N, C-alpha and C. Protein backbone atom coordinates (compact mmCIF):
# COMPACT_ATOMS: atom_id res chain seq x y z
N MET A 1 1.04 -0.97 0.14
CA MET A 1 -0.16 0.18 0.01
C MET A 1 1.08 1.55 0.08
N ALA A 2 0.24 1.96 -1.04
CA ALA A 2 1.09 3.74 -1.06
C ALA A 2 0.83 4.40 0.71
N ARG A 3 2.31 5.04 0.55
CA ARG A 3 1.86 5.81 1.52
C ARG A 3 1.02 7.42 1.75
N ILE A 4 0.55 7.43 2.43
CA ILE A 4 -0.32 8.24 2.44
C ILE A 4 -0.27 9.49 3.45
N LYS A 5 -0.49 10.70 3.46
CA LYS A 5 -0.18 11.71 4.16
C LYS A 5 -1.33 12.11 5.02
N HIS A 6 -1.14 12.42 6.62
CA HIS A 6 -1.87 12.22 7.24
C HIS A 6 -2.26 13.40 7.41
N THR A 7 -3.05 14.19 6.01
CA THR A 7 -3.53 15.66 6.87
C THR A 7 -4.80 15.37 6.26
N LYS A 8 -5.44 16.85 6.42
CA LYS A 8 -7.09 16.81 6.18
C LYS A 8 -7.35 17.38 4.73
N ASN A 9 -6.17 17.68 4.08
CA ASN A 9 -6.09 17.72 2.74
C ASN A 9 -5.94 15.82 1.95
N GLU A 10 -5.78 15.12 2.52
CA GLU A 10 -5.12 13.70 2.39
C GLU A 10 -6.63 13.01 2.12
N LEU A 11 -7.64 13.34 3.41
CA LEU A 11 -8.37 12.80 3.97
C LEU A 11 -9.85 13.48 3.17
N LYS A 12 -9.62 14.17 2.88
CA LYS A 12 -11.07 14.63 1.46
C LYS A 12 -10.65 14.12 0.24
N ALA A 13 -9.00 14.25 -0.18
CA ALA A 13 -8.36 13.35 -1.54
C ALA A 13 -9.58 11.90 -1.15
N GLN A 14 -9.18 10.86 -0.27
CA GLN A 14 -9.44 9.73 -0.39
C GLN A 14 -11.07 9.59 -0.09
N ARG A 15 -11.82 10.58 0.34
CA ARG A 15 -13.32 10.09 0.33
C ARG A 15 -13.65 10.36 -1.07
N ASP A 16 -13.24 11.20 -1.57
CA ASP A 16 -13.35 11.79 -3.12
C ASP A 16 -13.01 10.34 -3.94
N ALA A 17 -12.20 9.83 -3.58
CA ALA A 17 -11.91 8.78 -4.38
C ALA A 17 -12.36 7.65 -4.08
N LEU A 18 -13.35 7.32 -2.80
CA LEU A 18 -13.83 6.14 -2.74
C LEU A 18 -15.44 6.64 -2.96
N ARG A 19 -15.61 8.33 -3.25
CA ARG A 19 -17.38 8.33 -3.52
C ARG A 19 -16.63 7.82 -5.29
N ARG A 20 -15.93 8.43 -5.65
CA ARG A 20 -15.55 7.63 -7.17
C ARG A 20 -15.04 6.81 -7.44
N PHE A 21 -15.24 5.59 -6.87
CA PHE A 21 -15.27 4.03 -7.06
C PHE A 21 -16.50 3.55 -7.10
N GLU A 22 -17.04 4.18 -5.74
CA GLU A 22 -18.14 3.39 -5.09
C GLU A 22 -19.63 4.24 -6.36
N ARG A 23 -19.28 4.82 -7.40
CA ARG A 23 -19.97 5.48 -8.24
C ARG A 23 -20.02 4.73 -9.30
N TYR A 24 -18.45 4.19 -9.69
CA TYR A 24 -18.27 3.76 -10.75
C TYR A 24 -18.65 2.28 -10.89
N LEU A 25 -18.51 1.66 -9.78
CA LEU A 25 -18.30 0.42 -9.55
C LEU A 25 -19.96 -0.61 -9.81
N PRO A 26 -21.08 0.47 -9.74
CA PRO A 26 -22.55 -0.36 -10.03
C PRO A 26 -22.76 -0.15 -11.63
N THR A 27 -21.68 0.82 -12.54
CA THR A 27 -21.53 0.99 -13.58
C THR A 27 -21.20 -0.40 -14.65
N LEU A 28 -19.92 -0.32 -13.70
CA LEU A 28 -19.12 -1.28 -14.01
C LEU A 28 -19.57 -2.94 -13.78
N LEU A 29 -20.06 -3.27 -12.73
CA LEU A 29 -21.24 -4.49 -12.44
C LEU A 29 -22.62 -4.61 -13.69
N LEU A 30 -22.76 -3.59 -13.77
CA LEU A 30 -23.85 -4.11 -14.80
C LEU A 30 -23.55 -4.32 -16.51
N LYS A 31 -21.96 -3.67 -16.62
CA LYS A 31 -21.08 -3.52 -18.09
C LYS A 31 -20.77 -5.22 -18.27
N LYS A 32 -20.64 -5.59 -16.84
CA LYS A 32 -19.84 -6.67 -16.70
C LYS A 32 -21.45 -8.22 -16.79
N GLN A 33 -22.47 -7.74 -16.42
CA GLN A 33 -23.58 -8.21 -16.50
C GLN A 33 -23.89 -8.60 -17.83
N GLN A 34 -24.07 -8.09 -18.39
CA GLN A 34 -24.51 -7.54 -20.32
C GLN A 34 -23.54 -8.31 -20.72
N LEU A 35 -22.03 -8.04 -20.76
CA LEU A 35 -21.37 -9.09 -21.80
C LEU A 35 -21.42 -10.33 -21.06
N GLN A 36 -22.27 -10.61 -19.95
CA GLN A 36 -21.89 -11.94 -20.03
C GLN A 36 -23.09 -12.71 -20.52
N LEU A 37 -24.88 -11.74 -20.50
CA LEU A 37 -25.61 -12.10 -21.47
C LEU A 37 -25.40 -12.09 -23.10
N GLU A 38 -24.51 -11.70 -23.04
CA GLU A 38 -24.52 -11.30 -24.96
C GLU A 38 -23.24 -12.50 -24.94
N ILE A 39 -22.66 -12.91 -24.42
CA ILE A 39 -21.74 -14.18 -24.72
C ILE A 39 -22.25 -15.15 -24.57
N ARG A 40 -23.39 -14.97 -23.57
CA ARG A 40 -24.51 -17.14 -23.67
C ARG A 40 -25.33 -16.97 -25.00
N GLN A 41 -25.58 -15.44 -25.11
CA GLN A 41 -26.54 -15.45 -26.31
C GLN A 41 -25.46 -15.93 -27.98
N MET A 42 -24.36 -15.55 -27.57
CA MET A 42 -23.33 -15.72 -28.82
C MET A 42 -22.98 -16.80 -29.26
N ASP A 43 -22.82 -17.55 -27.98
CA ASP A 43 -22.39 -19.12 -27.58
C ASP A 43 -23.57 -20.18 -28.69
N ALA A 44 -25.42 -19.75 -28.15
CA ALA A 44 -26.22 -20.25 -28.47
C ALA A 44 -26.16 -20.11 -30.23
N ALA A 45 -26.06 -18.60 -30.70
CA ALA A 45 -25.97 -18.62 -32.16
C ALA A 45 -24.67 -19.60 -32.85
N ILE A 46 -23.71 -19.47 -32.14
CA ILE A 46 -22.37 -20.13 -32.77
C ILE A 46 -22.80 -21.85 -32.96
N GLU A 47 -23.83 -22.10 -31.79
CA GLU A 47 -23.73 -23.58 -31.71
C GLU A 47 -24.86 -24.09 -32.72
N LYS A 48 -25.57 -23.22 -32.81
CA LYS A 48 -26.72 -23.17 -33.71
C LYS A 48 -26.42 -22.92 -35.21
N LYS A 49 -25.98 -22.44 -35.78
CA LYS A 49 -24.44 -22.09 -37.01
C LYS A 49 -23.84 -23.58 -36.97
N ARG A 50 -23.18 -24.07 -35.84
CA ARG A 50 -22.20 -25.28 -36.25
C ARG A 50 -23.63 -25.89 -36.80
N ALA A 51 -24.57 -26.25 -36.07
CA ALA A 51 -25.60 -27.23 -36.54
C ALA A 51 -25.64 -27.12 -37.44
N GLU A 52 -26.06 -26.01 -38.52
CA GLU A 52 -26.48 -26.33 -40.02
C GLU A 52 -25.44 -26.47 -40.77
N GLN A 53 -24.06 -26.19 -40.11
CA GLN A 53 -22.78 -26.40 -41.01
C GLN A 53 -22.66 -28.18 -40.95
N THR A 54 -23.17 -29.03 -39.77
CA THR A 54 -23.09 -30.66 -40.13
C THR A 54 -24.06 -30.72 -40.97
N ALA A 55 -25.57 -29.97 -40.90
CA ALA A 55 -26.18 -30.53 -41.22
C ALA A 55 -26.16 -30.34 -42.98
N ALA A 56 -25.67 -29.00 -42.91
CA ALA A 56 -25.56 -28.89 -44.40
C ALA A 56 -24.30 -30.26 -45.11
N ARG A 57 -23.12 -30.65 -44.19
CA ARG A 57 -22.21 -31.12 -44.73
C ARG A 57 -22.94 -32.77 -44.57
N ALA A 58 -23.77 -32.82 -43.79
CA ALA A 58 -24.71 -34.48 -43.73
C ALA A 58 -25.52 -34.45 -44.98
N ALA A 59 -25.49 -33.87 -45.80
CA ALA A 59 -26.64 -33.70 -47.06
C ALA A 59 -25.73 -33.96 -48.38
N LEU A 60 -24.59 -32.93 -47.67
CA LEU A 60 -23.61 -33.44 -48.73
C LEU A 60 -22.84 -34.73 -49.18
N GLU A 61 -23.37 -35.48 -47.91
CA GLU A 61 -22.18 -36.94 -47.55
C GLU A 61 -22.54 -37.52 -48.27
N PRO A 62 -23.96 -38.11 -49.68
CA PRO A 62 -23.72 -39.14 -50.63
C PRO A 62 -23.14 -38.92 -51.73
N TRP A 63 -22.96 -37.34 -52.01
CA TRP A 63 -22.43 -37.06 -52.96
C TRP A 63 -20.97 -36.66 -52.93
N ILE A 64 -20.38 -36.54 -51.88
CA ILE A 64 -19.07 -35.48 -51.70
C ILE A 64 -18.08 -35.75 -52.41
N ARG A 65 -17.75 -37.35 -52.93
CA ARG A 65 -16.96 -37.80 -53.67
C ARG A 65 -16.87 -37.15 -54.92
N LEU A 66 -17.76 -36.41 -55.40
CA LEU A 66 -17.95 -35.73 -56.36
C LEU A 66 -17.06 -34.83 -56.82
N PHE A 67 -17.48 -33.99 -55.54
CA PHE A 67 -15.91 -32.94 -55.62
C PHE A 67 -14.95 -33.16 -55.40
N GLY A 68 -14.48 -34.40 -55.55
CA GLY A 68 -12.69 -35.02 -55.70
C GLY A 68 -12.55 -34.61 -57.38
N GLU A 69 -13.61 -34.31 -58.04
CA GLU A 69 -13.23 -34.80 -59.16
C GLU A 69 -12.83 -34.01 -60.09
N ASP A 70 -12.08 -33.71 -61.08
CA ASP A 70 -11.12 -32.17 -61.53
C ASP A 70 -12.15 -31.27 -61.73
N PHE A 71 -12.76 -30.58 -61.74
CA PHE A 71 -13.76 -28.96 -61.87
C PHE A 71 -13.37 -27.78 -61.59
N PRO A 72 -13.19 -27.08 -62.15
CA PRO A 72 -12.87 -25.48 -61.99
C PRO A 72 -13.82 -24.69 -61.47
N TRP A 73 -13.68 -25.47 -59.79
CA TRP A 73 -15.19 -24.29 -59.18
C TRP A 73 -14.95 -22.81 -58.90
N GLY A 74 -13.82 -22.56 -59.37
CA GLY A 74 -13.91 -20.80 -58.83
C GLY A 74 -13.93 -20.12 -60.66
N ASP A 75 -13.70 -20.91 -61.40
CA ASP A 75 -14.56 -20.31 -62.46
C ASP A 75 -15.91 -20.28 -62.42
N HIS A 76 -17.10 -21.04 -61.39
CA HIS A 76 -18.41 -20.89 -61.73
C HIS A 76 -18.30 -20.28 -60.50
N LEU A 77 -18.17 -20.15 -59.74
CA LEU A 77 -18.73 -19.38 -58.29
C LEU A 77 -17.17 -18.99 -57.41
N ARG A 78 -17.89 -17.33 -56.98
CA ARG A 78 -16.74 -16.65 -56.50
C ARG A 78 -17.15 -15.24 -55.51
N ILE A 79 -16.87 -15.58 -54.48
CA ILE A 79 -17.51 -13.97 -53.66
C ILE A 79 -17.48 -12.77 -54.17
N ALA A 80 -18.47 -12.31 -54.75
CA ALA A 80 -19.24 -11.14 -55.78
C ALA A 80 -18.61 -9.77 -54.67
N GLU A 81 -19.00 -10.06 -53.41
CA GLU A 81 -19.08 -8.60 -52.28
C GLU A 81 -19.26 -9.72 -51.06
N ARG A 82 -17.80 -8.77 -50.06
CA ARG A 82 -18.08 -9.22 -48.51
C ARG A 82 -18.08 -7.83 -47.50
N ARG A 83 -19.17 -7.50 -47.40
CA ARG A 83 -18.95 -5.83 -46.83
C ARG A 83 -19.38 -6.41 -45.49
N GLU A 84 -18.81 -5.80 -44.59
CA GLU A 84 -18.74 -6.20 -42.75
C GLU A 84 -19.01 -4.49 -42.33
N ALA A 85 -20.12 -4.48 -41.36
CA ALA A 85 -20.02 -3.39 -40.58
C ALA A 85 -19.53 -3.13 -38.92
N VAL A 86 -19.43 -2.48 -38.71
CA VAL A 86 -18.89 -2.12 -37.42
C VAL A 86 -20.32 -1.95 -36.50
N GLY A 87 -20.55 -3.10 -35.00
CA GLY A 87 -21.60 -3.03 -34.29
C GLY A 87 -20.82 -2.74 -33.10
N ASN A 88 -22.12 -2.54 -32.24
CA ASN A 88 -21.12 -1.90 -30.72
C ASN A 88 -22.36 -2.74 -29.60
N ILE A 89 -21.52 -3.52 -29.08
CA ILE A 89 -22.68 -4.07 -27.89
C ILE A 89 -21.60 -3.96 -26.42
N ALA A 90 -22.34 -2.67 -25.96
CA ALA A 90 -21.88 -2.87 -24.57
C ALA A 90 -20.57 -1.69 -24.30
N GLY A 91 -20.26 -1.14 -25.67
CA GLY A 91 -19.35 -0.31 -26.03
C GLY A 91 -18.16 -0.82 -26.82
N VAL A 92 -18.46 -2.43 -26.89
CA VAL A 92 -17.41 -2.97 -27.70
C VAL A 92 -17.57 -2.93 -29.43
N ALA A 93 -16.73 -3.00 -29.92
CA ALA A 93 -16.84 -2.74 -31.51
C ALA A 93 -16.81 -3.79 -31.85
N ILE A 94 -17.58 -4.72 -32.76
CA ILE A 94 -17.53 -5.72 -32.99
C ILE A 94 -18.32 -5.88 -34.52
N PRO A 95 -17.68 -6.76 -35.58
CA PRO A 95 -17.89 -6.97 -37.02
C PRO A 95 -19.26 -7.36 -36.80
N ALA A 96 -20.07 -6.96 -38.29
CA ALA A 96 -21.03 -7.81 -38.37
C ALA A 96 -21.52 -7.92 -39.66
N LEU A 97 -21.48 -9.09 -40.62
CA LEU A 97 -21.89 -9.39 -41.89
C LEU A 97 -23.02 -8.33 -42.64
N GLU A 98 -22.84 -7.17 -43.34
CA GLU A 98 -24.29 -6.57 -43.55
C GLU A 98 -24.36 -7.12 -45.09
N LYS A 99 -23.19 -7.65 -45.68
CA LYS A 99 -23.92 -8.41 -47.14
C LYS A 99 -22.44 -9.20 -47.50
N LEU A 100 -23.43 -10.14 -48.12
CA LEU A 100 -22.71 -11.58 -48.73
C LEU A 100 -23.54 -11.66 -50.26
N GLU A 101 -22.38 -11.50 -51.29
CA GLU A 101 -22.97 -11.95 -52.56
C GLU A 101 -22.17 -13.08 -52.93
N PHE A 102 -22.83 -13.62 -53.67
CA PHE A 102 -22.00 -14.68 -54.75
C PHE A 102 -21.82 -13.79 -56.44
N GLU A 103 -21.34 -14.44 -57.08
CA GLU A 103 -21.17 -14.73 -58.43
C GLU A 103 -20.90 -15.79 -59.18
N ARG A 104 -22.21 -16.64 -59.77
CA ARG A 104 -22.05 -17.65 -60.30
C ARG A 104 -22.47 -17.84 -61.70
N ARG A 105 -21.60 -18.36 -61.93
CA ARG A 105 -21.26 -18.23 -63.73
C ARG A 105 -22.05 -19.91 -64.51
N ALA A 106 -23.05 -19.43 -64.71
CA ALA A 106 -23.89 -20.62 -65.48
C ALA A 106 -22.60 -21.67 -66.06
N PRO A 107 -22.41 -22.85 -65.45
CA PRO A 107 -21.88 -23.93 -66.73
C PRO A 107 -22.44 -24.37 -67.56
N ASP A 108 -21.60 -24.54 -68.39
CA ASP A 108 -22.28 -25.06 -70.05
C ASP A 108 -22.74 -26.70 -69.67
N LEU A 109 -23.99 -26.59 -69.92
CA LEU A 109 -25.05 -27.95 -69.53
C LEU A 109 -24.76 -28.82 -70.53
N PHE A 110 -23.76 -28.69 -71.48
CA PHE A 110 -23.65 -29.99 -72.28
C PHE A 110 -21.97 -30.39 -72.15
N ASP A 111 -21.23 -29.60 -71.61
CA ASP A 111 -19.72 -29.85 -71.04
C ASP A 111 -19.47 -30.05 -69.56
N THR A 112 -20.48 -30.14 -68.98
CA THR A 112 -20.00 -30.58 -67.58
C THR A 112 -21.29 -31.38 -66.77
N PRO A 113 -20.67 -31.99 -65.75
CA PRO A 113 -21.96 -32.93 -65.02
C PRO A 113 -22.99 -32.70 -64.42
N PRO A 114 -23.96 -33.61 -64.75
CA PRO A 114 -25.06 -32.77 -64.32
C PRO A 114 -25.30 -32.48 -62.68
N TRP A 115 -24.54 -32.60 -62.24
CA TRP A 115 -24.37 -32.62 -60.88
C TRP A 115 -24.00 -31.31 -60.36
N VAL A 116 -23.29 -30.40 -61.25
CA VAL A 116 -22.77 -29.54 -61.02
C VAL A 116 -23.13 -28.13 -60.42
N ASP A 117 -24.68 -27.97 -60.81
CA ASP A 117 -25.54 -26.96 -60.31
C ASP A 117 -25.96 -27.04 -58.89
N ASP A 118 -26.34 -28.63 -58.29
CA ASP A 118 -26.43 -29.13 -57.44
C ASP A 118 -25.31 -28.44 -56.02
N GLY A 119 -24.14 -28.78 -57.28
CA GLY A 119 -22.66 -28.85 -56.47
C GLY A 119 -22.24 -27.53 -55.63
N LEU A 120 -22.55 -26.38 -57.34
CA LEU A 120 -22.24 -25.19 -57.01
C LEU A 120 -23.62 -24.24 -55.89
N ALA A 121 -24.52 -24.88 -55.75
CA ALA A 121 -25.14 -24.40 -54.79
C ALA A 121 -25.10 -25.11 -53.40
N ALA A 122 -24.47 -26.52 -53.25
CA ALA A 122 -24.05 -26.75 -51.96
C ALA A 122 -22.66 -25.81 -51.19
N LEU A 123 -21.81 -25.76 -52.18
CA LEU A 123 -20.93 -25.04 -52.15
C LEU A 123 -20.67 -23.47 -51.81
N GLU A 124 -21.90 -23.03 -52.55
CA GLU A 124 -22.23 -21.41 -51.92
C GLU A 124 -22.23 -21.75 -50.56
N LYS A 125 -23.82 -22.76 -50.13
CA LYS A 125 -24.08 -22.76 -49.02
C LYS A 125 -23.51 -22.69 -47.81
N MET A 126 -21.98 -23.28 -47.99
CA MET A 126 -21.21 -24.39 -47.24
C MET A 126 -20.19 -22.93 -47.00
N THR A 127 -20.16 -22.22 -47.74
CA THR A 127 -18.86 -21.06 -48.05
C THR A 127 -19.77 -19.68 -47.18
N ARG A 128 -21.17 -19.49 -47.58
CA ARG A 128 -21.63 -18.73 -46.64
C ARG A 128 -22.24 -19.18 -45.03
N LEU A 129 -21.67 -20.60 -44.53
CA LEU A 129 -22.06 -20.55 -43.13
C LEU A 129 -20.85 -20.58 -42.97
N ALA A 130 -19.78 -20.65 -43.06
CA ALA A 130 -18.09 -20.70 -42.91
C ALA A 130 -18.01 -19.13 -42.40
N ILE A 131 -18.48 -18.14 -43.19
CA ILE A 131 -18.31 -17.20 -43.15
C ILE A 131 -19.09 -16.54 -42.05
N GLU A 132 -20.04 -16.64 -42.12
CA GLU A 132 -21.03 -16.45 -40.96
C GLU A 132 -20.57 -16.83 -39.68
N LEU A 133 -20.22 -17.90 -39.50
CA LEU A 133 -19.60 -18.27 -38.51
C LEU A 133 -18.19 -17.97 -38.24
N GLU A 134 -17.54 -17.74 -38.60
CA GLU A 134 -16.46 -16.86 -38.57
C GLU A 134 -16.00 -14.72 -37.83
N VAL A 135 -17.67 -14.54 -38.36
CA VAL A 135 -17.82 -13.11 -38.04
C VAL A 135 -18.77 -13.91 -36.61
N LEU A 136 -19.01 -14.87 -36.34
CA LEU A 136 -20.09 -15.00 -35.12
C LEU A 136 -18.83 -14.64 -34.10
N GLU A 137 -18.05 -16.03 -34.28
CA GLU A 137 -16.67 -16.39 -33.57
C GLU A 137 -15.33 -15.08 -33.52
N GLU A 138 -15.93 -13.85 -34.58
CA GLU A 138 -14.82 -12.79 -34.00
C GLU A 138 -15.84 -11.72 -33.03
N GLN A 139 -16.70 -11.81 -32.86
CA GLN A 139 -17.62 -11.17 -32.01
C GLN A 139 -17.39 -11.92 -30.83
N ARG A 140 -17.87 -13.15 -30.62
CA ARG A 140 -17.64 -13.30 -29.47
C ARG A 140 -16.51 -13.13 -28.74
N ARG A 141 -15.21 -13.44 -29.31
CA ARG A 141 -13.82 -13.20 -29.43
C ARG A 141 -13.65 -12.18 -28.47
N ARG A 142 -14.13 -10.88 -29.48
CA ARG A 142 -13.98 -9.63 -28.61
C ARG A 142 -14.94 -8.99 -27.72
N ILE A 143 -16.17 -9.59 -27.91
CA ILE A 143 -16.92 -9.69 -26.31
C ILE A 143 -16.17 -10.00 -25.16
N ALA A 144 -15.99 -11.37 -25.35
CA ALA A 144 -15.43 -11.95 -24.23
C ALA A 144 -13.55 -11.53 -23.84
N ALA A 145 -13.02 -10.57 -24.63
CA ALA A 145 -12.08 -10.12 -24.63
C ALA A 145 -12.30 -9.04 -23.26
N GLU A 146 -13.42 -8.22 -24.12
CA GLU A 146 -13.64 -7.01 -22.87
C GLU A 146 -14.26 -7.92 -21.54
N LEU A 147 -14.78 -9.03 -21.67
CA LEU A 147 -15.45 -9.66 -20.36
C LEU A 147 -14.53 -9.33 -18.98
N ARG A 148 -13.42 -10.25 -19.97
CA ARG A 148 -11.79 -10.09 -19.33
C ARG A 148 -12.07 -9.11 -18.70
N THR A 149 -11.51 -8.13 -19.46
CA THR A 149 -10.88 -6.55 -18.73
C THR A 149 -12.08 -6.10 -17.79
N THR A 150 -13.47 -6.02 -18.28
CA THR A 150 -14.36 -5.82 -17.24
C THR A 150 -14.22 -6.64 -15.76
N THR A 151 -13.99 -7.06 -16.13
CA THR A 151 -14.13 -8.14 -14.69
C THR A 151 -12.90 -7.85 -13.83
N GLN A 152 -11.72 -7.80 -14.54
CA GLN A 152 -10.44 -7.14 -13.60
C GLN A 152 -10.83 -5.61 -13.08
N ARG A 153 -11.39 -5.30 -13.72
CA ARG A 153 -11.77 -3.91 -13.04
C ARG A 153 -12.40 -3.78 -12.06
N VAL A 154 -13.54 -4.70 -11.99
CA VAL A 154 -14.39 -4.85 -11.34
C VAL A 154 -13.45 -5.42 -9.71
N ASN A 155 -13.01 -6.15 -10.37
CA ASN A 155 -12.13 -6.68 -9.27
C ASN A 155 -11.20 -6.12 -8.10
N LEU A 156 -10.54 -5.22 -9.06
CA LEU A 156 -9.86 -4.03 -8.54
C LEU A 156 -9.97 -3.10 -7.57
N PHE A 157 -11.62 -2.70 -8.21
CA PHE A 157 -12.29 -1.59 -7.39
C PHE A 157 -12.68 -2.37 -5.83
N GLU A 158 -13.53 -3.70 -6.03
CA GLU A 158 -13.86 -4.30 -5.07
C GLU A 158 -13.25 -4.93 -3.94
N LYS A 159 -12.34 -5.10 -4.69
CA LYS A 159 -11.28 -6.16 -3.30
C LYS A 159 -9.74 -5.02 -3.58
N VAL A 160 -9.34 -4.12 -4.19
CA VAL A 160 -8.13 -3.31 -4.00
C VAL A 160 -8.62 -2.28 -3.70
N LYS A 161 -9.45 -0.89 -4.65
CA LYS A 161 -8.98 -0.11 -4.60
C LYS A 161 -10.37 0.53 -3.32
N ILE A 162 -11.57 -0.13 -3.10
CA ILE A 162 -12.87 0.69 -2.10
C ILE A 162 -12.25 -0.01 -1.08
N PRO A 163 -11.26 -1.11 -0.91
CA PRO A 163 -11.21 -1.49 0.53
C PRO A 163 -9.79 -0.37 1.16
N GLU A 164 -8.70 -0.17 0.27
CA GLU A 164 -7.81 0.49 0.47
C GLU A 164 -8.10 1.96 0.90
N ALA A 165 -9.05 2.57 0.02
CA ALA A 165 -9.26 3.89 0.49
C ALA A 165 -10.81 4.06 1.97
N LYS A 166 -11.43 2.62 1.85
CA LYS A 166 -11.75 2.92 3.46
C LYS A 166 -10.79 3.24 4.43
N GLU A 167 -9.84 1.96 4.16
CA GLU A 167 -8.69 1.76 5.07
C GLU A 167 -7.55 3.10 5.53
N ASN A 168 -7.29 3.82 4.39
CA ASN A 168 -6.78 5.29 4.40
C ASN A 168 -7.49 5.97 4.95
N ILE A 169 -8.97 6.42 4.82
CA ILE A 169 -9.83 6.87 5.97
C ILE A 169 -9.48 6.81 7.26
N ARG A 170 -10.21 5.43 7.56
CA ARG A 170 -9.79 5.30 9.26
C ARG A 170 -8.22 5.34 9.69
N VAL A 171 -7.25 5.43 8.25
CA VAL A 171 -5.74 5.71 9.36
C VAL A 171 -5.94 7.39 10.05
N ILE A 172 -6.26 7.89 8.29
CA ILE A 172 -6.07 9.54 8.60
C ILE A 172 -7.35 10.09 9.91
N ARG A 173 -7.90 9.15 9.87
CA ARG A 173 -9.05 9.64 10.74
C ARG A 173 -8.17 9.19 12.85
N ILE A 174 -7.43 8.42 12.52
CA ILE A 174 -7.14 7.96 13.42
C ILE A 174 -6.21 8.96 14.27
N PHE A 175 -5.06 9.10 12.84
CA PHE A 175 -4.11 9.99 13.31
C PHE A 175 -4.49 11.71 14.18
N LEU A 176 -6.00 12.08 12.94
CA LEU A 176 -6.05 13.35 13.29
C LEU A 176 -6.92 13.71 14.58
N GLY A 177 -7.73 12.53 14.80
CA GLY A 177 -8.23 12.11 16.22
C GLY A 177 -7.31 12.76 16.83
N ASP A 178 -6.05 11.36 17.14
CA ASP A 178 -4.68 11.51 17.93
C ASP A 178 -4.14 12.48 18.42
N GLN A 179 -3.92 13.59 16.90
CA GLN A 179 -3.52 14.77 16.88
C GLN A 179 -4.26 15.44 18.13
N MET A 180 -5.89 16.01 17.33
CA MET A 180 -6.44 17.20 18.06
C MET A 180 -6.40 16.41 19.47
N THR A 181 -6.40 14.82 20.07
CA THR A 181 -6.58 15.00 21.55
C THR A 181 -5.17 15.48 22.08
N ALA A 182 -3.84 15.01 21.27
CA ALA A 182 -2.84 15.38 22.35
C ALA A 182 -2.65 17.00 22.16
N GLU A 183 -3.11 17.43 21.37
CA GLU A 183 -3.43 19.26 21.16
C GLU A 183 -4.13 19.53 22.50
N VAL A 184 -5.15 19.08 22.78
CA VAL A 184 -6.15 19.15 23.76
C VAL A 184 -5.46 19.48 24.83
N ALA A 185 -4.59 18.36 25.34
CA ALA A 185 -4.06 18.23 26.14
C ALA A 185 -2.71 18.97 26.32
N ARG A 186 -1.84 19.34 25.35
CA ARG A 186 -0.58 20.03 25.39
C ARG A 186 -1.76 21.36 25.97
N SER A 187 -2.76 22.02 25.55
CA SER A 187 -3.14 23.21 25.29
C SER A 187 -3.92 23.05 27.51
N LYS A 188 -3.91 22.09 27.39
CA LYS A 188 -4.41 22.05 29.38
C LYS A 188 -3.52 22.54 30.08
N ILE A 189 -2.14 21.63 29.60
CA ILE A 189 -1.15 22.12 30.26
C ILE A 189 0.04 22.81 30.08
N ALA A 190 -0.56 23.47 28.86
CA ALA A 190 0.28 24.91 29.39
C ALA A 190 -0.70 26.25 29.38
N LYS A 191 -2.07 25.88 30.32
CA LYS A 191 -3.09 26.44 30.38
C LYS A 191 -2.59 26.57 32.13
N GLY A 192 -2.54 25.25 32.29
CA GLY A 192 -2.32 24.63 34.15
C GLY A 192 -0.90 25.46 34.37
N LYS A 193 0.14 25.28 33.69
CA LYS A 193 1.30 26.06 33.60
C LYS A 193 0.85 27.51 33.93
N THR A 194 -0.09 28.48 32.59
CA THR A 194 0.05 29.61 32.79
C THR A 194 -0.53 30.37 34.16
N THR A 195 -1.43 29.43 34.84
CA THR A 195 -2.35 29.10 35.89
C THR A 195 -1.37 29.96 37.25
N GLU A 196 -0.23 27.99 37.03
CA GLU A 196 0.59 28.06 38.22
C GLU A 196 1.26 29.66 38.02
N LYS A 197 1.90 29.59 37.16
CA LYS A 197 2.79 30.95 37.26
C LYS A 197 2.12 32.22 37.39
N GLU A 198 0.97 32.44 37.28
CA GLU A 198 -0.13 33.67 37.74
C GLU A 198 -0.10 33.41 39.52
N ARG A 199 0.00 31.71 39.85
CA ARG A 199 -0.13 31.96 41.49
C ARG A 199 0.79 32.33 42.07
N THR A 200 2.27 32.05 41.32
CA THR A 200 3.20 32.07 42.51
C THR A 200 3.93 33.31 42.02
N ALA A 201 3.22 34.05 40.84
CA ALA A 201 3.86 35.55 41.17
C ALA A 201 3.13 36.79 41.52
């Protein structure tokens, strides 16, 4: 604990600091609760998106080997536009998928196998799910980082700053009280000596 001055000014400074900490702590606690709620909601959204991915993969299972055939997928399907906005949750900037568009070039029906159209649709769906999941996981990562920081601040205020300020106030008040008592005692002694001198004179 840092050394403190045992003065009235320091007592006022410690009281002001304590009021500030006690005023700020509820805001931090509220933010912590909000972030925890967001994390739970994001976990549910991520789980749902993963389930969609699993279902999409399961639907591909019967003809997934066809993707192993030599076919120029990139010539027929590409991401035309991916635009992310910046959202805000409890003061945390998070990415939000604003737009995701694919450009699909129709294959030559005479020159390609009949399953290519379905394959392109499945590939688009899998790519879309992967990108949406990636964005959700980044959102969760940022919220979790902010939650860690907020929890550290809450602990700092609850376990260090507020008890420290209270202890400093207690120590300064005891010191000032002792000083006042000593001053009164000195005053009485001085008065007693003055009275004694007056009687002997």
